[in-house]
């Protein structure tokens, strides 16, 4: 079975292909291919099936009414797209989804997902855990967006990753700029100013917090 179909079921992920076949752990699905640069889904489209990215990499973006585009994240296979919205009353894609390279999407109907949840408790637990983790991710994004100014966003991000005074950004400056929704030069300049002011020490993606009081004062 394709690894994308086993994404939610940790129990089946540990089984051999022969055992999966023996217990008839199958999910009805169809597969659709997309070329690099092709739109997979648009913001506002109805989520009628679970979109499981089984091959390739995509980017997700929010487009405001004024036309402003905000990058949300890049996603690599295997990974479900808009899974949290499948069972929502307002089941619409919250973002544009675009293929960054040739991709394959496994489409699983809502009915098939419900059948699998009834048949396999491990699948149900995996699905629920994924939704909970996505809520936490979106909650962090909202908290970052609520921070006023680039330095406030940096301060919040660093404090969330603080381990006994040390931190790792975990992203390139370019990726972090997209994550914050700011320009890369502005982000680089803000980090340099934090270093200059003695608030943090930073080099090559890693750093130390030198002044907790000052970095906390930056929060919006």
N, C-alpha and C. Protein backbone atom coordinates (compact mmCIF):
# COMPACT_ATOMS: atom_id res chain seq x y z
N UNK A 1 0.84 -1.20 0.00
CA UNK A 1 0.00 0.00 0.00
C UNK A 1 0.87 1.24 0.00
N UNK A 2 0.47 2.27 -0.73
CA UNK A 2 1.20 3.52 -0.79
C UNK A 2 1.37 4.11 0.61
N UNK A 3 2.57 4.66 0.89
CA UNK A 3 2.85 5.22 2.22
C UNK A 3 1.87 6.34 2.59
N UNK A 4 1.35 7.04 1.58
CA UNK A 4 0.37 8.09 1.84
C UNK A 4 -0.90 7.55 2.45
N UNK A 5 -1.31 6.35 2.02
CA UNK A 5 -2.52 5.74 2.55
C UNK A 5 -2.33 5.26 3.99
N UNK A 6 -1.08 5.05 4.39
CA UNK A 6 -0.79 4.58 5.75
C UNK A 6 -0.44 5.73 6.69
N UNK A 7 -0.52 6.95 6.19
CA UNK A 7 -0.04 8.12 6.95
C UNK A 7 -0.65 8.20 8.34
N UNK A 8 -1.95 8.03 8.46
CA UNK A 8 -2.62 8.18 9.75
C UNK A 8 -2.54 6.93 10.63
N UNK A 9 -2.27 5.78 10.02
CA UNK A 9 -2.35 4.52 10.77
C UNK A 9 -0.96 4.05 11.18
N UNK A 10 -0.56 4.40 12.39
CA UNK A 10 0.77 4.02 12.88
C UNK A 10 0.88 2.51 13.05
N UNK A 11 -0.24 1.84 13.32
CA UNK A 11 -0.22 0.38 13.50
C UNK A 11 0.16 -0.30 12.19
N UNK A 12 -0.44 0.13 11.09
CA UNK A 12 -0.16 -0.48 9.79
C UNK A 12 1.22 -0.10 9.27
N UNK A 13 1.71 1.06 9.66
CA UNK A 13 3.05 1.48 9.22
C UNK A 13 4.12 0.50 9.71
N UNK A 14 3.82 -0.18 10.82
CA UNK A 14 4.78 -1.13 11.40
C UNK A 14 4.60 -2.54 10.85
N UNK A 15 3.59 -2.76 10.02
CA UNK A 15 3.32 -4.09 9.46
C UNK A 15 4.01 -4.26 8.11
N UNK A 16 4.25 -5.51 7.74
CA UNK A 16 4.80 -5.80 6.42
C UNK A 16 3.70 -5.69 5.38
N UNK A 17 4.10 -5.54 4.12
CA UNK A 17 3.12 -5.45 3.04
C UNK A 17 2.27 -6.71 2.97
N UNK A 18 2.89 -7.86 3.26
CA UNK A 18 2.16 -9.13 3.23
C UNK A 18 1.06 -9.16 4.31
N UNK A 19 1.40 -8.66 5.50
CA UNK A 19 0.42 -8.65 6.59
C UNK A 19 -0.71 -7.67 6.29
N UNK A 20 -0.38 -6.52 5.71
CA UNK A 20 -1.40 -5.54 5.35
C UNK A 20 -2.37 -6.14 4.34
N UNK A 21 -1.82 -6.88 3.37
CA UNK A 21 -2.65 -7.55 2.37
C UNK A 21 -3.53 -8.60 3.02
N UNK A 22 -2.95 -9.35 3.97
CA UNK A 22 -3.69 -10.43 4.64
C UNK A 22 -4.89 -9.91 5.43
N UNK A 23 -4.71 -8.78 6.13
CA UNK A 23 -5.81 -8.25 6.94
C UNK A 23 -6.74 -7.34 6.12
N UNK A 24 -6.42 -7.23 4.82
CA UNK A 24 -7.26 -6.47 3.89
C UNK A 24 -7.43 -5.01 4.33
N UNK A 25 -6.28 -4.42 4.69
CA UNK A 25 -6.30 -3.00 5.09
C UNK A 25 -6.16 -2.16 3.84
N UNK A 26 -7.27 -1.85 3.21
CA UNK A 26 -7.27 -1.06 1.98
C UNK A 26 -8.23 0.10 2.11
N UNK A 27 -7.96 1.16 1.38
CA UNK A 27 -8.83 2.34 1.37
C UNK A 27 -9.13 2.68 -0.08
N UNK A 28 -10.39 2.83 -0.41
CA UNK A 28 -10.76 3.21 -1.77
C UNK A 28 -10.22 4.61 -2.07
N UNK A 29 -9.62 4.76 -3.25
CA UNK A 29 -9.01 6.05 -3.58
C UNK A 29 -8.79 6.15 -5.08
N UNK A 30 -8.48 7.37 -5.50
CA UNK A 30 -8.04 7.62 -6.87
C UNK A 30 -6.75 8.44 -6.78
N UNK A 31 -5.98 8.46 -7.87
CA UNK A 31 -4.71 9.19 -7.89
C UNK A 31 -4.72 10.20 -9.04
N UNK A 32 -4.26 11.41 -8.74
CA UNK A 32 -4.18 12.45 -9.76
C UNK A 32 -2.79 13.05 -9.76
N UNK A 33 -2.24 13.26 -10.95
CA UNK A 33 -0.89 13.82 -11.09
C UNK A 33 -0.95 15.30 -11.46
N UNK A 34 0.02 16.07 -10.96
CA UNK A 34 0.12 17.49 -11.25
C UNK A 34 1.55 17.82 -11.65
N UNK A 35 1.69 18.71 -12.62
CA UNK A 35 3.00 19.15 -13.07
C UNK A 35 3.49 20.31 -12.20
N UNK A 36 4.80 20.52 -12.20
CA UNK A 36 5.39 21.64 -11.47
C UNK A 36 4.74 22.95 -11.90
N UNK A 37 4.35 23.77 -10.91
CA UNK A 37 3.72 25.05 -11.18
C UNK A 37 2.22 24.99 -11.32
N UNK A 38 1.66 23.78 -11.39
CA UNK A 38 0.22 23.63 -11.57
C UNK A 38 -0.52 23.85 -10.25
N UNK A 39 -1.69 24.46 -10.34
CA UNK A 39 -2.51 24.69 -9.16
C UNK A 39 -3.25 23.41 -8.78
N UNK A 40 -3.08 22.96 -7.55
CA UNK A 40 -3.76 21.75 -7.06
C UNK A 40 -5.12 22.10 -6.46
N UNK A 41 -5.18 23.21 -5.76
CA UNK A 41 -6.44 23.69 -5.18
C UNK A 41 -6.35 25.19 -4.97
N UNK A 42 -7.49 25.85 -5.07
CA UNK A 42 -7.53 27.29 -4.85
C UNK A 42 -8.28 27.60 -3.56
N UNK A 43 -7.87 28.68 -2.94
CA UNK A 43 -8.51 29.16 -1.73
C UNK A 43 -10.01 29.33 -1.99
N UNK A 44 -10.83 28.69 -1.16
CA UNK A 44 -12.28 28.77 -1.34
C UNK A 44 -12.89 27.56 -2.00
N UNK A 45 -12.06 26.70 -2.66
CA UNK A 45 -12.59 25.47 -3.25
C UNK A 45 -13.17 24.57 -2.15
N UNK A 46 -14.22 23.83 -2.48
CA UNK A 46 -14.79 22.89 -1.52
C UNK A 46 -13.85 21.71 -1.32
N UNK A 47 -13.72 21.27 -0.07
CA UNK A 47 -12.92 20.08 0.26
C UNK A 47 -13.87 18.89 0.27
N UNK A 48 -13.98 18.22 -0.85
CA UNK A 48 -14.91 17.10 -1.00
C UNK A 48 -14.25 15.76 -0.69
N UNK A 49 -12.91 15.72 -0.75
CA UNK A 49 -12.15 14.51 -0.47
C UNK A 49 -10.90 14.87 0.32
N UNK A 50 -10.29 13.88 0.95
CA UNK A 50 -8.99 14.11 1.57
C UNK A 50 -7.94 14.13 0.46
N UNK A 51 -7.14 15.18 0.43
CA UNK A 51 -6.05 15.30 -0.54
C UNK A 51 -4.76 14.85 0.17
N UNK A 52 -4.26 13.68 -0.20
CA UNK A 52 -3.01 13.18 0.40
C UNK A 52 -1.87 13.36 -0.60
N UNK A 53 -0.95 14.23 -0.29
CA UNK A 53 0.22 14.43 -1.14
C UNK A 53 1.12 13.20 -0.97
N UNK A 54 1.20 12.37 -2.00
CA UNK A 54 1.97 11.12 -1.90
C UNK A 54 3.34 11.22 -2.56
N UNK A 55 3.50 12.17 -3.49
CA UNK A 55 4.79 12.39 -4.14
C UNK A 55 4.96 13.87 -4.43
N UNK A 56 6.19 14.38 -4.24
CA UNK A 56 6.47 15.76 -4.59
C UNK A 56 6.41 16.73 -3.43
N UNK A 57 6.32 18.01 -3.78
CA UNK A 57 6.35 19.10 -2.79
C UNK A 57 5.46 20.23 -3.27
N UNK A 58 4.73 20.85 -2.34
CA UNK A 58 3.82 21.94 -2.69
C UNK A 58 4.07 23.14 -1.78
N UNK A 59 3.53 24.29 -2.19
CA UNK A 59 3.53 25.47 -1.33
C UNK A 59 2.09 25.90 -1.11
N UNK A 60 1.83 26.48 0.05
CA UNK A 60 0.48 26.98 0.35
C UNK A 60 0.57 28.46 0.64
N UNK A 61 -0.42 29.21 0.12
CA UNK A 61 -0.44 30.66 0.27
C UNK A 61 -1.86 31.15 0.51
N UNK A 62 -1.98 32.21 1.27
CA UNK A 62 -3.26 32.89 1.46
C UNK A 62 -3.24 34.18 0.63
N UNK A 63 -4.30 34.40 -0.12
CA UNK A 63 -4.41 35.62 -0.92
C UNK A 63 -5.54 36.47 -0.36
N UNK A 64 -5.22 37.69 0.07
CA UNK A 64 -6.21 38.58 0.65
C UNK A 64 -7.09 39.19 -0.43
N UNK A 65 -8.18 39.82 0.00
CA UNK A 65 -9.08 40.47 -0.95
C UNK A 65 -8.38 41.58 -1.73
N UNK A 66 -7.35 42.16 -1.12
CA UNK A 66 -6.60 43.24 -1.79
C UNK A 66 -5.54 42.71 -2.74
N UNK A 67 -5.38 41.37 -2.75
CA UNK A 67 -4.40 40.77 -3.64
C UNK A 67 -3.07 40.47 -3.00
N UNK A 68 -2.91 40.77 -1.70
CA UNK A 68 -1.67 40.49 -0.99
C UNK A 68 -1.54 38.98 -0.77
N UNK A 69 -0.38 38.43 -1.11
CA UNK A 69 -0.13 37.00 -0.97
C UNK A 69 0.76 36.75 0.24
N UNK A 70 0.31 35.84 1.12
CA UNK A 70 1.08 35.49 2.32
C UNK A 70 1.44 34.02 2.25
N UNK A 71 2.73 33.73 2.23
CA UNK A 71 3.20 32.35 2.20
C UNK A 71 2.95 31.69 3.55
N UNK A 72 2.38 30.49 3.56
CA UNK A 72 2.11 29.78 4.80
C UNK A 72 3.18 28.73 5.07
N UNK A 73 3.36 27.78 4.15
CA UNK A 73 4.39 26.77 4.34
C UNK A 73 4.63 25.98 3.05
N UNK A 74 5.76 25.28 3.04
CA UNK A 74 6.05 24.31 1.99
C UNK A 74 5.87 22.92 2.59
N UNK A 75 5.25 22.02 1.83
CA UNK A 75 4.91 20.69 2.34
C UNK A 75 5.48 19.63 1.42
N UNK A 76 6.16 18.66 2.00
CA UNK A 76 6.72 17.54 1.24
C UNK A 76 5.94 16.27 1.53
N UNK A 77 5.88 15.39 0.54
CA UNK A 77 5.17 14.12 0.66
C UNK A 77 5.92 13.18 1.62
N UNK A 78 5.17 12.26 2.27
CA UNK A 78 3.70 12.15 2.27
C UNK A 78 3.09 13.07 3.32
N UNK A 79 2.00 13.74 2.96
CA UNK A 79 1.36 14.66 3.89
C UNK A 79 -0.04 15.00 3.41
N UNK A 80 -1.03 15.03 4.31
CA UNK A 80 -2.40 15.39 3.91
C UNK A 80 -2.58 16.89 3.79
N UNK A 81 -3.41 17.31 2.85
CA UNK A 81 -3.69 18.72 2.63
C UNK A 81 -5.12 19.04 3.05
N UNK A 82 -5.29 20.05 3.89
CA UNK A 82 -6.62 20.51 4.34
C UNK A 82 -7.44 19.42 5.00
N UNK A 83 -6.77 18.47 5.67
CA UNK A 83 -7.49 17.37 6.32
C UNK A 83 -8.46 17.87 7.39
N UNK A 84 -8.09 18.95 8.08
CA UNK A 84 -8.92 19.47 9.16
C UNK A 84 -10.25 20.03 8.66
N UNK A 85 -10.33 20.31 7.35
CA UNK A 85 -11.54 20.94 6.81
C UNK A 85 -12.49 19.93 6.17
N UNK A 86 -12.08 18.67 6.08
CA UNK A 86 -12.90 17.66 5.40
C UNK A 86 -14.26 17.51 6.07
N UNK A 87 -14.29 17.55 7.41
CA UNK A 87 -15.54 17.34 8.14
C UNK A 87 -16.14 18.65 8.67
N UNK A 88 -15.62 19.77 8.22
CA UNK A 88 -16.14 21.07 8.68
C UNK A 88 -17.44 21.43 7.97
N UNK A 89 -18.28 22.22 8.63
CA UNK A 89 -19.51 22.71 7.99
C UNK A 89 -19.13 23.61 6.81
N UNK A 90 -18.14 24.47 7.01
CA UNK A 90 -17.63 25.33 5.93
C UNK A 90 -16.36 24.69 5.40
N UNK A 91 -16.53 23.65 4.59
CA UNK A 91 -15.39 22.84 4.15
C UNK A 91 -14.76 23.40 2.87
N UNK A 92 -14.01 24.47 3.06
CA UNK A 92 -13.34 25.12 1.93
C UNK A 92 -11.84 25.16 2.17
N UNK A 93 -11.06 25.06 1.09
CA UNK A 93 -9.62 25.20 1.22
C UNK A 93 -9.31 26.61 1.73
N UNK A 94 -8.51 26.73 2.81
CA UNK A 94 -8.17 28.05 3.34
C UNK A 94 -7.01 28.71 2.60
N UNK A 95 -6.38 27.96 1.69
CA UNK A 95 -5.17 28.44 1.02
C UNK A 95 -5.17 28.01 -0.45
N UNK A 96 -4.31 28.67 -1.24
CA UNK A 96 -3.97 28.16 -2.57
C UNK A 96 -2.89 27.10 -2.39
N UNK A 97 -2.99 26.01 -3.13
CA UNK A 97 -1.99 24.94 -3.09
C UNK A 97 -1.39 24.80 -4.48
N UNK A 98 -0.07 24.99 -4.60
CA UNK A 98 0.61 24.96 -5.89
C UNK A 98 1.77 23.96 -5.86
N UNK A 99 1.90 23.18 -6.92
CA UNK A 99 2.97 22.18 -7.01
C UNK A 99 4.32 22.86 -7.25
N UNK A 100 5.29 22.60 -6.38
CA UNK A 100 6.64 23.12 -6.55
C UNK A 100 7.48 22.19 -7.43
N UNK A 101 7.01 20.96 -7.60
CA UNK A 101 7.61 19.97 -8.48
C UNK A 101 6.51 19.01 -8.90
N UNK A 102 6.81 18.09 -9.79
CA UNK A 102 5.79 17.13 -10.20
C UNK A 102 5.26 16.39 -8.97
N UNK A 103 3.94 16.33 -8.84
CA UNK A 103 3.31 15.77 -7.64
C UNK A 103 2.27 14.71 -7.98
N UNK A 104 1.99 13.89 -6.99
CA UNK A 104 0.89 12.94 -7.06
C UNK A 104 0.00 13.16 -5.84
N UNK A 105 -1.29 13.23 -6.07
CA UNK A 105 -2.26 13.41 -4.99
C UNK A 105 -3.17 12.18 -4.94
N UNK A 106 -3.27 11.58 -3.76
CA UNK A 106 -4.23 10.50 -3.54
C UNK A 106 -5.51 11.15 -3.04
N UNK A 107 -6.62 10.92 -3.71
CA UNK A 107 -7.91 11.47 -3.32
C UNK A 107 -8.73 10.38 -2.64
N UNK A 108 -9.11 10.62 -1.39
CA UNK A 108 -9.89 9.65 -0.61
C UNK A 108 -11.19 10.32 -0.20
N UNK A 109 -12.30 9.74 -0.55
CA UNK A 109 -13.59 10.35 -0.27
C UNK A 109 -13.86 10.41 1.23
N UNK A 110 -14.73 11.32 1.62
CA UNK A 110 -15.12 11.45 3.03
C UNK A 110 -15.73 10.15 3.53
N UNK A 111 -16.54 9.49 2.69
CA UNK A 111 -17.17 8.22 3.07
C UNK A 111 -16.11 7.15 3.34
N UNK A 112 -15.07 7.09 2.50
CA UNK A 112 -14.01 6.10 2.69
C UNK A 112 -13.24 6.36 3.97
N UNK A 113 -13.01 7.64 4.29
CA UNK A 113 -12.33 8.00 5.54
C UNK A 113 -13.17 7.55 6.73
N UNK A 114 -14.48 7.79 6.67
CA UNK A 114 -15.37 7.39 7.77
C UNK A 114 -15.37 5.87 7.96
N UNK A 115 -15.38 5.14 6.85
CA UNK A 115 -15.35 3.67 6.93
C UNK A 115 -14.06 3.19 7.58
N UNK A 116 -12.94 3.82 7.20
CA UNK A 116 -11.65 3.40 7.76
C UNK A 116 -11.56 3.73 9.25
N UNK A 117 -12.14 4.84 9.66
CA UNK A 117 -12.16 5.20 11.08
C UNK A 117 -12.95 4.18 11.89
N UNK A 118 -14.04 3.71 11.32
CA UNK A 118 -14.88 2.71 12.00
C UNK A 118 -14.17 1.37 12.08
N UNK A 119 -13.44 1.03 11.03
CA UNK A 119 -12.78 -0.27 10.93
C UNK A 119 -11.49 -0.33 11.73
N UNK A 120 -10.77 0.80 11.81
CA UNK A 120 -9.42 0.79 12.40
C UNK A 120 -9.27 1.92 13.42
N UNK A 121 -9.21 1.56 14.69
CA UNK A 121 -9.08 2.57 15.75
C UNK A 121 -7.74 3.29 15.68
N UNK A 122 -6.70 2.61 15.20
CA UNK A 122 -5.38 3.24 15.07
C UNK A 122 -5.43 4.36 14.03
N UNK A 123 -6.18 4.13 12.95
CA UNK A 123 -6.36 5.16 11.93
C UNK A 123 -7.10 6.36 12.52
N UNK A 124 -8.14 6.10 13.29
CA UNK A 124 -8.92 7.17 13.92
C UNK A 124 -8.04 7.99 14.85
N UNK A 125 -7.24 7.31 15.70
CA UNK A 125 -6.36 8.03 16.62
C UNK A 125 -5.32 8.86 15.86
N UNK A 126 -4.79 8.28 14.78
CA UNK A 126 -3.81 9.00 13.99
C UNK A 126 -4.39 10.24 13.34
N UNK A 127 -5.61 10.13 12.84
CA UNK A 127 -6.28 11.27 12.21
C UNK A 127 -6.52 12.37 13.23
N UNK A 128 -7.02 11.99 14.42
CA UNK A 128 -7.31 12.97 15.47
C UNK A 128 -6.03 13.65 15.96
N UNK A 129 -4.95 12.87 16.10
CA UNK A 129 -3.67 13.45 16.55
C UNK A 129 -3.15 14.44 15.53
N UNK A 130 -3.30 14.11 14.24
CA UNK A 130 -2.83 15.02 13.19
C UNK A 130 -3.60 16.34 13.24
N UNK A 131 -4.93 16.26 13.38
CA UNK A 131 -5.74 17.48 13.44
C UNK A 131 -5.33 18.33 14.64
N UNK A 132 -5.09 17.69 15.80
CA UNK A 132 -4.69 18.42 17.00
C UNK A 132 -3.35 19.13 16.78
N UNK A 133 -2.41 18.44 16.14
CA UNK A 133 -1.10 19.04 15.87
C UNK A 133 -1.20 20.21 14.90
N UNK A 134 -2.11 20.11 13.92
CA UNK A 134 -2.31 21.21 12.97
C UNK A 134 -2.90 22.43 13.67
N UNK A 135 -3.79 22.19 14.62
CA UNK A 135 -4.39 23.30 15.38
C UNK A 135 -3.29 24.03 16.15
N UNK A 136 -2.36 23.26 16.73
CA UNK A 136 -1.25 23.87 17.46
C UNK A 136 -0.37 24.69 16.52
N UNK A 137 -0.12 24.16 15.33
CA UNK A 137 0.70 24.87 14.34
C UNK A 137 0.03 26.19 13.95
N UNK A 138 -1.27 26.13 13.65
CA UNK A 138 -1.98 27.34 13.24
C UNK A 138 -2.08 28.35 14.37
N UNK A 139 -2.18 27.83 15.60
CA UNK A 139 -2.22 28.72 16.76
C UNK A 139 -0.92 29.50 16.88
N UNK A 140 0.20 28.82 16.63
CA UNK A 140 1.49 29.52 16.69
C UNK A 140 1.60 30.56 15.59
N UNK A 141 1.11 30.21 14.38
CA UNK A 141 1.15 31.19 13.30
C UNK A 141 0.35 32.43 13.65
N UNK A 142 -0.83 32.24 14.24
CA UNK A 142 -1.67 33.38 14.61
C UNK A 142 -0.99 34.25 15.66
N UNK A 143 -0.30 33.60 16.61
CA UNK A 143 0.39 34.36 17.65
C UNK A 143 1.53 35.18 17.05
N UNK A 144 2.21 34.59 16.06
CA UNK A 144 3.29 35.32 15.39
C UNK A 144 2.73 36.51 14.62
N UNK A 145 1.63 36.28 13.88
CA UNK A 145 1.02 37.36 13.11
C UNK A 145 0.52 38.49 14.01
N UNK A 146 0.13 38.14 15.24
CA UNK A 146 -0.39 39.15 16.16
C UNK A 146 0.70 40.05 16.72
N UNK A 147 1.95 39.61 16.62
CA UNK A 147 3.07 40.42 17.11
C UNK A 147 3.28 41.62 16.17
N UNK A 148 3.42 42.80 16.75
CA UNK A 148 3.54 44.03 15.95
C UNK A 148 5.01 44.33 15.67
N UNK A 149 5.38 44.22 14.43
CA UNK A 149 6.75 44.52 14.04
C UNK A 149 7.59 43.26 13.88
N UNK A 150 8.63 43.37 13.06
CA UNK A 150 9.48 42.21 12.77
C UNK A 150 10.24 41.74 14.01
N UNK A 151 10.76 42.66 14.78
CA UNK A 151 11.52 42.27 15.97
C UNK A 151 10.64 41.52 16.97
N UNK A 152 9.39 41.92 17.07
CA UNK A 152 8.47 41.22 17.97
C UNK A 152 8.23 39.80 17.49
N UNK A 153 8.11 39.63 16.18
CA UNK A 153 7.92 38.28 15.62
C UNK A 153 9.14 37.41 15.88
N UNK A 154 10.33 38.00 15.68
CA UNK A 154 11.57 37.27 15.94
C UNK A 154 11.66 36.88 17.40
N UNK A 155 11.36 37.83 18.28
CA UNK A 155 11.44 37.57 19.72
C UNK A 155 10.51 36.43 20.12
N UNK A 156 9.28 36.45 19.63
CA UNK A 156 8.33 35.38 19.97
C UNK A 156 8.85 34.04 19.45
N UNK A 157 9.32 34.03 18.21
CA UNK A 157 9.81 32.79 17.58
C UNK A 157 10.99 32.22 18.35
N UNK A 158 11.93 33.07 18.75
CA UNK A 158 13.12 32.62 19.48
C UNK A 158 12.73 32.08 20.85
N UNK A 159 11.85 32.79 21.55
CA UNK A 159 11.45 32.36 22.89
C UNK A 159 10.73 31.01 22.86
N UNK A 160 10.01 30.74 21.79
CA UNK A 160 9.33 29.45 21.65
C UNK A 160 10.34 28.32 21.46
N UNK A 161 11.53 28.65 21.00
CA UNK A 161 12.56 27.63 20.73
C UNK A 161 13.72 27.69 21.71
N UNK A 162 13.55 28.45 22.76
CA UNK A 162 14.59 28.62 23.76
C UNK A 162 14.83 27.33 24.56
N UNK A 163 16.07 26.91 24.62
CA UNK A 163 16.47 25.76 25.43
C UNK A 163 17.67 26.16 26.28
N UNK A 164 17.36 26.55 27.51
CA UNK A 164 18.40 26.96 28.45
C UNK A 164 19.29 28.08 27.90
N UNK A 165 18.63 29.03 27.24
CA UNK A 165 19.35 30.19 26.74
C UNK A 165 19.83 30.08 25.32
N UNK A 166 19.77 28.88 24.73
CA UNK A 166 20.19 28.67 23.35
C UNK A 166 18.99 28.41 22.45
N UNK A 167 19.14 28.71 21.18
CA UNK A 167 18.04 28.47 20.25
C UNK A 167 18.58 28.16 18.85
N UNK A 168 17.78 27.49 18.07
CA UNK A 168 18.05 27.25 16.66
C UNK A 168 16.84 27.70 15.87
N UNK A 169 17.06 28.46 14.80
CA UNK A 169 15.93 28.95 14.00
C UNK A 169 15.23 27.80 13.29
N UNK A 170 15.97 26.81 12.85
CA UNK A 170 15.36 25.67 12.18
C UNK A 170 14.91 25.96 10.76
N UNK A 171 15.18 27.14 10.28
CA UNK A 171 14.82 27.55 8.92
C UNK A 171 15.89 28.48 8.38
N UNK A 172 15.99 28.56 7.07
CA UNK A 172 16.86 29.56 6.45
C UNK A 172 16.22 30.94 6.65
N UNK A 173 17.00 31.99 6.50
CA UNK A 173 16.47 33.34 6.64
C UNK A 173 15.37 33.59 5.60
N UNK A 174 15.58 33.08 4.39
CA UNK A 174 14.58 33.24 3.33
C UNK A 174 13.27 32.55 3.70
N UNK A 175 13.38 31.31 4.22
CA UNK A 175 12.19 30.56 4.63
C UNK A 175 11.49 31.23 5.81
N UNK A 176 12.29 31.75 6.75
CA UNK A 176 11.71 32.40 7.93
C UNK A 176 11.01 33.70 7.53
N UNK A 177 11.56 34.41 6.56
CA UNK A 177 10.92 35.63 6.07
C UNK A 177 9.55 35.31 5.48
N UNK A 178 9.47 34.24 4.70
CA UNK A 178 8.18 33.81 4.15
C UNK A 178 7.23 33.42 5.27
N UNK A 179 7.75 32.74 6.28
CA UNK A 179 6.94 32.29 7.42
C UNK A 179 6.35 33.48 8.18
N UNK A 180 7.14 34.55 8.31
CA UNK A 180 6.68 35.76 9.01
C UNK A 180 5.84 36.66 8.11
N UNK A 181 5.97 36.46 6.79
CA UNK A 181 5.27 37.34 5.86
C UNK A 181 5.95 38.69 5.73
N UNK A 182 7.31 38.69 5.79
CA UNK A 182 8.08 39.93 5.68
C UNK A 182 9.14 39.76 4.59
N UNK A 183 9.80 40.87 4.23
CA UNK A 183 10.86 40.82 3.24
C UNK A 183 12.15 40.30 3.88
N UNK A 184 12.91 39.52 3.11
CA UNK A 184 14.15 38.92 3.63
C UNK A 184 15.15 39.97 4.11
N UNK A 185 15.41 41.05 3.35
CA UNK A 185 16.37 42.06 3.83
C UNK A 185 15.93 42.70 5.16
N UNK A 186 14.62 42.90 5.30
CA UNK A 186 14.12 43.51 6.54
C UNK A 186 14.35 42.57 7.73
N UNK A 187 14.16 41.26 7.50
CA UNK A 187 14.38 40.29 8.57
C UNK A 187 15.85 40.22 8.94
N UNK A 188 16.72 40.18 7.94
CA UNK A 188 18.17 40.13 8.20
C UNK A 188 18.62 41.35 8.98
N UNK A 189 18.09 42.52 8.60
CA UNK A 189 18.46 43.76 9.28
C UNK A 189 17.98 43.75 10.74
N UNK A 190 16.78 43.24 10.97
CA UNK A 190 16.24 43.20 12.33
C UNK A 190 17.06 42.27 13.22
N UNK A 191 17.47 41.13 12.69
CA UNK A 191 18.31 40.20 13.46
C UNK A 191 19.65 40.84 13.77
N UNK A 192 20.23 41.52 12.78
CA UNK A 192 21.52 42.20 12.99
C UNK A 192 21.41 43.25 14.09
N UNK A 193 20.29 43.95 14.15
CA UNK A 193 20.09 44.98 15.17
C UNK A 193 19.94 44.36 16.55
N UNK A 194 19.31 43.18 16.63
CA UNK A 194 19.19 42.49 17.91
C UNK A 194 20.57 42.06 18.41
N UNK A 195 21.42 41.65 17.48
CA UNK A 195 22.79 41.28 17.84
C UNK A 195 23.57 42.52 18.27
N UNK A 196 23.44 43.58 17.49
CA UNK A 196 24.15 44.83 17.79
C UNK A 196 23.78 45.40 19.15
N UNK A 197 22.49 45.26 19.51
CA UNK A 197 22.00 45.80 20.78
C UNK A 197 22.27 44.87 21.95
N UNK A 198 22.93 43.75 21.71
CA UNK A 198 23.31 42.85 22.79
C UNK A 198 22.15 42.04 23.35
N UNK A 199 21.08 41.90 22.58
CA UNK A 199 19.92 41.13 23.05
C UNK A 199 20.10 39.64 22.76
N UNK A 200 20.69 39.33 21.60
CA UNK A 200 20.99 37.94 21.26
C UNK A 200 22.38 37.87 20.65
N UNK A 201 22.93 36.66 20.67
CA UNK A 201 24.13 36.34 19.91
C UNK A 201 23.67 35.36 18.84
N UNK A 202 24.06 35.58 17.59
CA UNK A 202 23.52 34.75 16.52
C UNK A 202 24.52 34.55 15.40
N UNK A 203 24.59 33.30 14.90
CA UNK A 203 25.44 33.00 13.75
C UNK A 203 24.99 31.68 13.12
N UNK A 204 24.78 31.70 11.81
CA UNK A 204 24.49 30.50 11.02
C UNK A 204 23.33 29.67 11.57
N UNK A 205 22.22 30.35 11.88
CA UNK A 205 21.02 29.64 12.28
C UNK A 205 20.91 29.29 13.75
N UNK A 206 21.99 29.54 14.53
CA UNK A 206 21.99 29.22 15.96
C UNK A 206 22.35 30.46 16.76
N UNK A 207 21.90 30.50 18.01
CA UNK A 207 22.22 31.66 18.81
C UNK A 207 21.96 31.47 20.29
N UNK A 208 22.20 32.53 21.05
CA UNK A 208 21.95 32.55 22.49
C UNK A 208 21.20 33.82 22.85
N UNK A 209 20.33 33.70 23.84
CA UNK A 209 19.63 34.88 24.35
C UNK A 209 20.51 35.51 25.42
N UNK A 210 20.89 36.77 25.20
CA UNK A 210 21.78 37.47 26.14
C UNK A 210 21.01 38.29 27.15
N UNK A 211 19.80 38.73 26.78
CA UNK A 211 19.00 39.54 27.70
C UNK A 211 17.53 39.13 27.60
N UNK A 212 17.07 38.33 28.56
CA UNK A 212 15.67 37.90 28.56
C UNK A 212 14.73 39.08 28.75
N UNK A 213 15.11 40.01 29.60
CA UNK A 213 14.23 41.16 29.86
C UNK A 213 13.98 41.96 28.57
N UNK A 214 15.04 42.22 27.85
CA UNK A 214 14.92 43.04 26.64
C UNK A 214 14.19 42.31 25.52
N UNK A 215 14.43 41.00 25.38
CA UNK A 215 13.75 40.28 24.31
C UNK A 215 12.26 40.15 24.60
N UNK A 216 11.90 40.02 25.88
CA UNK A 216 10.48 39.92 26.25
C UNK A 216 9.78 41.27 26.08
N UNK A 217 10.54 42.36 26.26
CA UNK A 217 9.96 43.70 26.09
C UNK A 217 9.57 43.96 24.62
N UNK A 218 10.16 43.20 23.70
CA UNK A 218 9.86 43.38 22.28
C UNK A 218 8.50 42.82 21.88
N UNK A 219 7.97 41.91 22.68
CA UNK A 219 6.70 41.25 22.33
C UNK A 219 5.57 42.24 22.27
N UNK A 220 4.70 42.05 21.24
CA UNK A 220 3.60 42.98 21.06
C UNK A 220 2.44 42.69 21.99
